[in-house]
Structures are given as structure tokens and as C-alpha cells.
Amino acid sequence: MAELRRATEADYPEIVALTNRAFRETGPQASWNVEDMIEGERISEPLLRDDLAANPDAHLLIWRDAAGDHLGHVWLDPAADGAWYLGMLTVRPDRQAAGLGRTLLAASEAYARARGATRMRMTVIHQRETLIAWYLRRGYAVTGETKPFPYDDQRFGRPTQDGLYFDVLERGL
């Protein structure tokens, strides 16, 4: 049975490496949900530390199996209105076909619900139709709200196309 627990500083290098592998690595071993419209790192350790410092209520959770292998991780950030932000949901690409993404998403929702969440919100790049469809099959809905893509902030990579923006998705818990 895999355990979802708060990440420690010792986990940060693994979290950064797996996030970059799952979101940006191309080739035969690439994840099905790679962000192929953005080049470069998805996250770095300094950026992760900055995000955690700027969001002290956030929960960076790591998911390990009984042997201690890092299966995935997720970022959860509570809001005053009961809607928690879900981000960086990441599963090892070589284990994705085993349903681990669904399991990690459900565990993340249960974790947030146990701490008072009534809704889960997220942003997904609009052009990532396959990923949006995956979340829709799990009960999320596109709210109609959008957010601009940070073209002027290269910390998250370099976009390779114009017209990127985020759709806001939400699900009641």
C-alpha cells in the first residue's frame, strides 16, 4: 500500500527530478501527458523552495510504496473559500498505465477533504486536451474561467508556441 505524506527537504531533489521527467522529457519513455509545447525545466529546487516559502499553508505531498520507492507527488494549497488548489500531480511515467494517477488523485482529494476542503480547483494549459479530458472523466468540469500563461516568466520553461493559456477546472468534494 502506498503512503501519501508531507514531503521533507530531503525529498525535494526527487520531486524536482520526477516532475521534470514526467512533464518535459520526450522520447520513447516519455509520459503520456508531457508538456510538449514548453521546453526546459518544469521546476527547479530553488523555485520549489520559493513557492513553498510564498505559500506556507501549502501541502507538498510525496507518495511512496511500501518499499520506499517514489511513485508520485502532488501540491495542495488551501483557500479560505474551501476550494483547494491541486497542482503538480505527478506519477512516474513508467508506472502510469497501472492506474496510479487515478489513485493519487483520489488520495489527494481525500487528504484535502479531511482538512476541510469542499472543492478542488486546478489550472491546465488549454492546449493539453488529453489531460483535460482525463480530469473530466474524473468528475472535474471546465469552469469557463481562464488565466494567462506567464510568457514573461521563464522559470517554468520556454513556450514553443503562442496562444497558451490556462483553463480552470473544478470539482466538488
C-alpha atoms as a PDB file:
ATOM      1  CA  MET A   1       0.000   0.000   0.000  1.00  0.00           C
ATOM      2  CA  ALA A   2       1.389   3.388  -0.978  1.00  0.00           C
ATOM      3  CA  GLU A   3       1.621   6.142   1.618  1.00  0.00           C
ATOM      4  CA  LEU A   4       0.860   9.817   0.946  1.00  0.00           C
ATOM      5  CA  ARG A   5       2.774  12.036   3.378  1.00  0.00           C
ATOM      6  CA  ARG A   6       4.177  15.544   3.635  1.00  0.00           C
ATOM      7  CA  ALA A   7       7.429  15.937   1.748  1.00  0.00           C
ATOM      8  CA  THR A   8      10.570  16.937   3.599  1.00  0.00           C
ATOM      9  CA  GLU A   9      13.565  18.867   2.289  1.00  0.00           C
ATOM     10  CA  ALA A  10      15.302  15.539   1.708  1.00  0.00           C
ATOM     11  CA  ASP A  11      12.539  14.683  -0.806  1.00  0.00           C
ATOM     12  CA  TYR A  12      12.936  17.860  -2.885  1.00  0.00           C
ATOM     13  CA  PRO A  13      15.609  16.558  -5.309  1.00  0.00           C
ATOM     14  CA  GLU A  14      13.461  13.507  -6.140  1.00  0.00           C
ATOM     15  CA  ILE A  15      10.339  15.659  -6.544  1.00  0.00           C
ATOM     16  CA  VAL A  16      12.131  18.046  -8.901  1.00  0.00           C
ATOM     17  CA  ALA A  17      13.653  15.219 -10.952  1.00  0.00           C
ATOM     18  CA  LEU A  18      10.380  13.301 -11.319  1.00  0.00           C
ATOM     19  CA  THR A  19       8.381  16.433 -12.138  1.00  0.00           C
ATOM     20  CA  ASN A  20      10.794  17.388 -14.912  1.00  0.00           C
ATOM     21  CA  ARG A  21      10.852  13.821 -16.217  1.00  0.00           C
ATOM     22  CA  ALA A  22       7.066  13.478 -16.246  1.00  0.00           C
ATOM     23  CA  PHE A  23       6.235  16.930 -17.661  1.00  0.00           C
ATOM     24  CA  ARG A  24       9.106  17.642 -20.044  1.00  0.00           C
ATOM     25  CA  GLU A  25      11.079  14.512 -21.001  1.00  0.00           C
ATOM     26  CA  THR A  26      10.435  13.379 -24.557  1.00  0.00           C
ATOM     27  CA  GLY A  27      11.334  10.140 -26.287  1.00  0.00           C
ATOM     28  CA  PRO A  28      10.159   6.546 -26.062  1.00  0.00           C
ATOM     29  CA  GLN A  29       9.910   6.551 -22.247  1.00  0.00           C
ATOM     30  CA  ALA A  30       8.024   9.864 -22.099  1.00  0.00           C
ATOM     31  CA  SER A  31       4.876  10.373 -20.103  1.00  0.00           C
ATOM     32  CA  TRP A  32       1.564  10.457 -21.984  1.00  0.00           C
ATOM     33  CA  ASN A  33       0.954  13.960 -20.616  1.00  0.00           C
ATOM     34  CA  VAL A  34       4.274  15.618 -21.437  1.00  0.00           C
ATOM     35  CA  GLU A  35       4.058  19.392 -21.969  1.00  0.00           C
ATOM     36  CA  ASP A  36       5.498  19.320 -25.484  1.00  0.00           C
ATOM     37  CA  MET A  37       4.634  22.983 -26.085  1.00  0.00           C
ATOM     38  CA  ILE A  38       7.169  24.096 -23.463  1.00  0.00           C
ATOM     39  CA  GLU A  39      10.915  23.470 -23.387  1.00  0.00           C
ATOM     40  CA  GLY A  40      13.242  23.418 -20.394  1.00  0.00           C
ATOM     41  CA  GLU A  41      12.692  22.518 -16.777  1.00  0.00           C
ATOM     42  CA  ARG A  42       9.195  22.442 -15.323  1.00  0.00           C
ATOM     43  CA  ILE A  43      10.607  23.188 -11.878  1.00  0.00           C
ATOM     44  CA  SER A  44      13.926  23.593 -10.095  1.00  0.00           C
ATOM     45  CA  GLU A  45      14.762  23.135  -6.448  1.00  0.00           C
ATOM     46  CA  PRO A  46      15.174  26.892  -5.838  1.00  0.00           C
ATOM     47  CA  LEU A  47      11.781  27.536  -7.480  1.00  0.00           C
ATOM     48  CA  LEU A  48      10.162  24.797  -5.378  1.00  0.00           C
ATOM     49  CA  ARG A  49      11.628  26.292  -2.216  1.00  0.00           C
ATOM     50  CA  ASP A  50      10.461  29.791  -3.259  1.00  0.00           C
ATOM     51  CA  ASP A  51       6.931  28.502  -3.933  1.00  0.00           C
ATOM     52  CA  LEU A  52       6.794  26.763  -0.557  1.00  0.00           C
ATOM     53  CA  ALA A  53       8.049  29.871   1.236  1.00  0.00           C
ATOM     54  CA  ALA A  54       5.476  32.038  -0.564  1.00  0.00           C
ATOM     55  CA  ASN A  55       2.659  29.582   0.259  1.00  0.00           C
ATOM     56  CA  PRO A  56       3.204  28.478   3.871  1.00  0.00           C
ATOM     57  CA  ASP A  57      -0.211  26.778   4.053  1.00  0.00           C
ATOM     58  CA  ALA A  58       0.504  24.586   1.022  1.00  0.00           C
ATOM     59  CA  HIS A  59       0.951  20.844   1.362  1.00  0.00           C
ATOM     60  CA  LEU A  60       3.621  19.225  -0.806  1.00  0.00           C
ATOM     61  CA  LEU A  61       2.857  15.533  -0.528  1.00  0.00           C
ATOM     62  CA  ILE A  62       5.009  12.642  -1.685  1.00  0.00           C
ATOM     63  CA  TRP A  63       3.650   9.205  -2.442  1.00  0.00           C
ATOM     64  CA  ARG A  64       5.843   6.177  -1.787  1.00  0.00           C
ATOM     65  CA  ASP A  65       5.146   2.473  -1.922  1.00  0.00           C
ATOM     66  CA  ALA A  66       5.902   0.076   0.941  1.00  0.00           C
ATOM     67  CA  ALA A  67       9.474  -0.349  -0.317  1.00  0.00           C
ATOM     68  CA  GLY A  68      10.005   3.422  -0.196  1.00  0.00           C
ATOM     69  CA  ASP A  69      10.005   3.961  -3.973  1.00  0.00           C
ATOM     70  CA  HIS A  70       8.787   7.415  -5.048  1.00  0.00           C
ATOM     71  CA  LEU A  71       5.619   6.783  -7.076  1.00  0.00           C
ATOM     72  CA  GLY A  72       4.418  10.373  -7.349  1.00  0.00           C
ATOM     73  CA  HIS A  73       3.613  13.619  -5.600  1.00  0.00           C
ATOM     74  CA  VAL A  74       1.119  16.468  -5.518  1.00  0.00           C
ATOM     75  CA  TRP A  75       0.852  20.099  -4.407  1.00  0.00           C
ATOM     76  CA  LEU A  76      -2.286  21.083  -2.462  1.00  0.00           C
ATOM     77  CA  ASP A  77      -2.956  24.661  -1.402  1.00  0.00           C
ATOM     78  CA  PRO A  78      -5.999  25.520   0.749  1.00  0.00           C
ATOM     79  CA  ALA A  79      -8.074  28.642   0.144  1.00  0.00           C
ATOM     80  CA  ALA A  80     -10.398  30.398   2.567  1.00  0.00           C
ATOM     81  CA  ASP A  81     -13.475  29.538   0.481  1.00  0.00           C
ATOM     82  CA  GLY A  82     -12.988  25.768   0.882  1.00  0.00           C
ATOM     83  CA  ALA A  83     -11.580  25.333  -2.633  1.00  0.00           C
ATOM     84  CA  TRP A  84      -8.126  23.774  -2.533  1.00  0.00           C
ATOM     85  CA  TYR A  85      -5.762  24.211  -5.450  1.00  0.00           C
ATOM     86  CA  LEU A  86      -4.322  20.978  -6.819  1.00  0.00           C
ATOM     87  CA  GLY A  87      -1.092  21.258  -8.764  1.00  0.00           C
ATOM     88  CA  MET A  88       1.916  19.279  -9.884  1.00  0.00           C
ATOM     89  CA  LEU A  89       0.076  15.943  -9.747  1.00  0.00           C
ATOM     90  CA  THR A  90       2.916  13.706 -10.909  1.00  0.00           C
ATOM     91  CA  VAL A  91       3.250   9.958 -11.339  1.00  0.00           C
ATOM     92  CA  ARG A  92       6.295   8.035 -12.537  1.00  0.00           C
ATOM     93  CA  PRO A  93       5.907   7.695 -16.327  1.00  0.00           C
ATOM     94  CA  ASP A  94       6.945   4.036 -16.252  1.00  0.00           C
ATOM     95  CA  ARG A  95       4.092   3.274 -13.835  1.00  0.00           C
ATOM     96  CA  GLN A  96       1.291   5.376 -15.351  1.00  0.00           C
ATOM     97  CA  ALA A  97      -0.519   2.533 -17.082  1.00  0.00           C
ATOM     98  CA  ALA A  98      -1.202   0.920 -13.680  1.00  0.00           C
ATOM     99  CA  GLY A  99      -3.883   3.451 -12.674  1.00  0.00           C
ATOM    100  CA  LEU A 100      -1.616   5.249 -10.223  1.00  0.00           C
ATOM    101  CA  GLY A 101      -2.715   8.697 -11.426  1.00  0.00           C
ATOM    102  CA  ARG A 102      -6.347   7.957 -10.539  1.00  0.00           C
ATOM    103  CA  THR A 103      -5.282   6.562  -7.188  1.00  0.00           C
ATOM    104  CA  LEU A 104      -3.054   9.549  -6.373  1.00  0.00           C
ATOM    105  CA  LEU A 105      -5.788  11.990  -7.420  1.00  0.00           C
ATOM    106  CA  ALA A 106      -8.343  10.229  -5.197  1.00  0.00           C
ATOM    107  CA  ALA A 107      -5.889  10.148  -2.265  1.00  0.00           C
ATOM    108  CA  SER A 108      -5.163  13.865  -2.771  1.00  0.00           C
ATOM    109  CA  GLU A 109      -8.865  14.694  -2.760  1.00  0.00           C
ATOM    110  CA  ALA A 110      -9.403  12.607   0.387  1.00  0.00           C
ATOM    111  CA  TYR A 111      -6.464  14.336   2.083  1.00  0.00           C
ATOM    112  CA  ALA A 112      -7.900  17.780   1.279  1.00  0.00           C
ATOM    113  CA  ARG A 113     -11.471  16.777   2.224  1.00  0.00           C
ATOM    114  CA  ALA A 114     -10.243  15.521   5.624  1.00  0.00           C
ATOM    115  CA  ARG A 115      -8.819  19.014   6.206  1.00  0.00           C
ATOM    116  CA  GLY A 116     -11.994  20.903   5.297  1.00  0.00           C
ATOM    117  CA  ALA A 117     -11.869  21.181   1.514  1.00  0.00           C
ATOM    118  CA  THR A 118     -15.254  21.296  -0.199  1.00  0.00           C
ATOM    119  CA  ARG A 119     -13.948  21.756  -3.750  1.00  0.00           C
ATOM    120  CA  MET A 120     -10.770  21.082  -5.687  1.00  0.00           C
ATOM    121  CA  ARG A 121      -9.534  23.572  -8.310  1.00  0.00           C
ATOM    122  CA  MET A 122      -6.698  23.421 -10.788  1.00  0.00           C
ATOM    123  CA  THR A 123      -5.369  25.073 -13.899  1.00  0.00           C
ATOM    124  CA  VAL A 124      -4.426  23.144 -17.026  1.00  0.00           C
ATOM    125  CA  ILE A 125      -2.937  24.559 -20.204  1.00  0.00           C
ATOM    126  CA  HIS A 126      -5.873  24.815 -22.610  1.00  0.00           C
ATOM    127  CA  GLN A 127      -3.986  23.074 -25.418  1.00  0.00           C
ATOM    128  CA  ARG A 128      -3.496  19.947 -23.292  1.00  0.00           C
ATOM    129  CA  GLU A 129      -6.787  18.449 -24.450  1.00  0.00           C
ATOM    130  CA  THR A 130      -5.903  14.862 -23.499  1.00  0.00           C
ATOM    131  CA  LEU A 131      -5.094  15.866 -19.920  1.00  0.00           C
ATOM    132  CA  ILE A 132      -8.239  17.979 -19.603  1.00  0.00           C
ATOM    133  CA  ALA A 133     -10.274  15.017 -20.877  1.00  0.00           C
ATOM    134  CA  TRP A 134      -8.618  12.799 -18.247  1.00  0.00           C
ATOM    135  CA  TYR A 135      -9.732  15.186 -15.480  1.00  0.00           C
ATOM    136  CA  LEU A 136     -13.228  15.479 -16.952  1.00  0.00           C
ATOM    137  CA  ARG A 137     -13.560  11.679 -16.718  1.00  0.00           C
ATOM    138  CA  ARG A 138     -12.711  12.025 -13.019  1.00  0.00           C
ATOM    139  CA  GLY A 139     -15.546  14.450 -12.310  1.00  0.00           C
ATOM    140  CA  TYR A 140     -13.856  17.793 -12.927  1.00  0.00           C
ATOM    141  CA  ALA A 141     -15.538  20.468 -15.034  1.00  0.00           C
ATOM    142  CA  VAL A 142     -14.106  23.345 -17.031  1.00  0.00           C
ATOM    143  CA  THR A 143     -15.425  26.443 -15.247  1.00  0.00           C
ATOM    144  CA  GLY A 144     -15.115  28.864 -18.167  1.00  0.00           C
ATOM    145  CA  GLU A 145     -12.584  30.887 -16.183  1.00  0.00           C
ATOM    146  CA  THR A 146      -9.151  31.240 -17.771  1.00  0.00           C
ATOM    147  CA  LYS A 147      -5.786  32.507 -16.610  1.00  0.00           C
ATOM    148  CA  PRO A 148      -2.993  33.922 -18.768  1.00  0.00           C
ATOM    149  CA  PHE A 149       0.135  31.924 -19.443  1.00  0.00           C
ATOM    150  CA  PRO A 150       3.234  33.580 -17.899  1.00  0.00           C
ATOM    151  CA  TYR A 151       5.173  34.146 -21.126  1.00  0.00           C
ATOM    152  CA  ASP A 152       7.357  36.689 -19.344  1.00  0.00           C
ATOM    153  CA  ASP A 153       8.408  34.215 -16.603  1.00  0.00           C
ATOM    154  CA  GLN A 154      10.965  31.720 -17.922  1.00  0.00           C
ATOM    155  CA  ARG A 155      11.245  29.936 -14.546  1.00  0.00           C
ATOM    156  CA  PHE A 156       8.691  27.358 -15.742  1.00  0.00           C
ATOM    157  CA  GLY A 157      10.254  26.773 -19.156  1.00  0.00           C
ATOM    158  CA  ARG A 158      10.147  28.366 -22.583  1.00  0.00           C
ATOM    159  CA  PRO A 159       6.907  28.138 -24.559  1.00  0.00           C
ATOM    160  CA  THR A 160       7.371  26.969 -28.143  1.00  0.00           C
ATOM    161  CA  GLN A 161       4.066  28.380 -29.385  1.00  0.00           C
ATOM    162  CA  ASP A 162       1.866  31.421 -28.991  1.00  0.00           C
ATOM    163  CA  GLY A 163      -1.661  31.442 -27.628  1.00  0.00           C
ATOM    164  CA  LEU A 164      -1.152  29.371 -24.480  1.00  0.00           C
ATOM    165  CA  TYR A 165      -3.455  29.995 -21.525  1.00  0.00           C
ATOM    166  CA  PHE A 166      -4.872  28.043 -18.608  1.00  0.00           C
ATOM    167  CA  ASP A 167      -8.377  26.652 -18.184  1.00  0.00           C
ATOM    168  CA  VAL A 168      -9.637  26.489 -14.602  1.00  0.00           C
ATOM    169  CA  LEU A 169     -11.164  23.127 -13.678  1.00  0.00           C
ATOM    170  CA  GLU A 170     -13.101  22.397 -10.521  1.00  0.00           C
ATOM    171  CA  ARG A 171     -14.803  19.520  -8.760  1.00  0.00           C
ATOM    172  CA  GLY A 172     -16.953  19.416  -5.662  1.00  0.00           C
ATOM    173  CA  LEU A 173     -15.743  17.088  -2.939  1.00  0.00           C
END
